[in-house]
Amino acid sequence: MGAKVLERFPAGAPRGSWPAEEYAAECRAHGEPATVVMDLQADAFLVVVPVHDDD
């Protein structure tokens, strides 16, 4: 099972601002099982949804 990246957000958001979490919550409100993960190499938060491999 893999994941599809819906959106990327820089990790340097202002204090008290959580744009990746807000975007993921909006996606979940529309039925997408979105979660937020950290891409350490890119120093960014990624909003992802699971993708099932049909092998």
Protein backbone atom coordinates (compact mmCIF):
# COMPACT_ATOMS: atom_id res chain seq x y z
CA MET A 1 0.00 0.00 0.00
CA GLY A 2 1.33 3.44 -0.95
CA ALA A 3 0.28 7.02 -0.47
CA LYS A 4 -0.69 9.86 -2.78
CA VAL A 5 0.46 13.38 -1.86
CA LEU A 6 -2.40 15.85 -2.10
CA GLU A 7 -0.55 18.97 -0.96
CA ARG A 8 2.80 20.14 0.45
CA PHE A 9 3.32 22.82 3.10
CA PRO A 10 6.64 24.29 4.27
CA ALA A 11 7.54 23.42 7.84
CA GLY A 12 8.28 27.06 8.67
CA ALA A 13 4.68 28.20 9.20
CA PRO A 14 4.15 31.01 11.72
CA ARG A 15 3.69 29.98 15.35
CA GLY A 16 0.13 28.83 15.99
CA SER A 17 -0.52 28.21 12.29
CA TRP A 18 -1.14 24.63 11.14
CA PRO A 19 -1.98 24.87 7.42
CA ALA A 20 -1.29 21.18 6.69
CA GLU A 21 -3.54 20.03 9.54
CA GLU A 22 -6.26 22.46 8.46
CA TYR A 23 -6.10 21.22 4.87
CA ALA A 24 -6.19 17.58 6.00
CA ALA A 25 -9.23 18.30 8.20
CA GLU A 26 -10.99 19.89 5.22
CA CYS A 27 -10.21 16.81 3.11
CA ARG A 28 -11.53 14.51 5.84
CA ALA A 29 -14.72 16.59 6.02
CA HIS A 30 -15.19 15.80 2.31
CA GLY A 31 -14.64 12.06 2.80
CA GLU A 32 -10.91 11.75 2.01
CA PRO A 33 -8.92 9.78 4.65
CA ALA A 34 -6.15 12.41 4.69
CA THR A 35 -3.29 12.45 7.17
CA VAL A 36 -0.25 14.67 7.65
CA VAL A 37 3.30 13.33 7.52
CA MET A 38 6.65 15.07 7.76
CA ASP A 39 9.14 14.93 4.88
CA LEU A 40 12.40 15.53 6.77
CA GLN A 41 14.57 15.85 3.68
CA ALA A 42 12.34 18.54 2.17
CA ASP A 43 11.53 20.14 5.57
CA ALA A 44 7.84 20.07 4.66
CA PHE A 45 4.55 18.63 5.84
CA LEU A 46 2.71 16.46 3.32
CA VAL A 47 -1.02 15.79 3.28
CA VAL A 48 -1.42 12.23 2.00
CA VAL A 49 -4.15 9.69 1.35
CA PRO A 50 -3.62 5.93 1.14
CA VAL A 51 -3.48 4.31 -2.30
CA HIS A 52 -4.12 0.58 -2.62
CA ASP A 53 -2.02 -1.32 -5.11
CA ASP A 54 -4.19 -3.57 -7.29
CA ASP A 55 -1.56 -6.23 -8.02
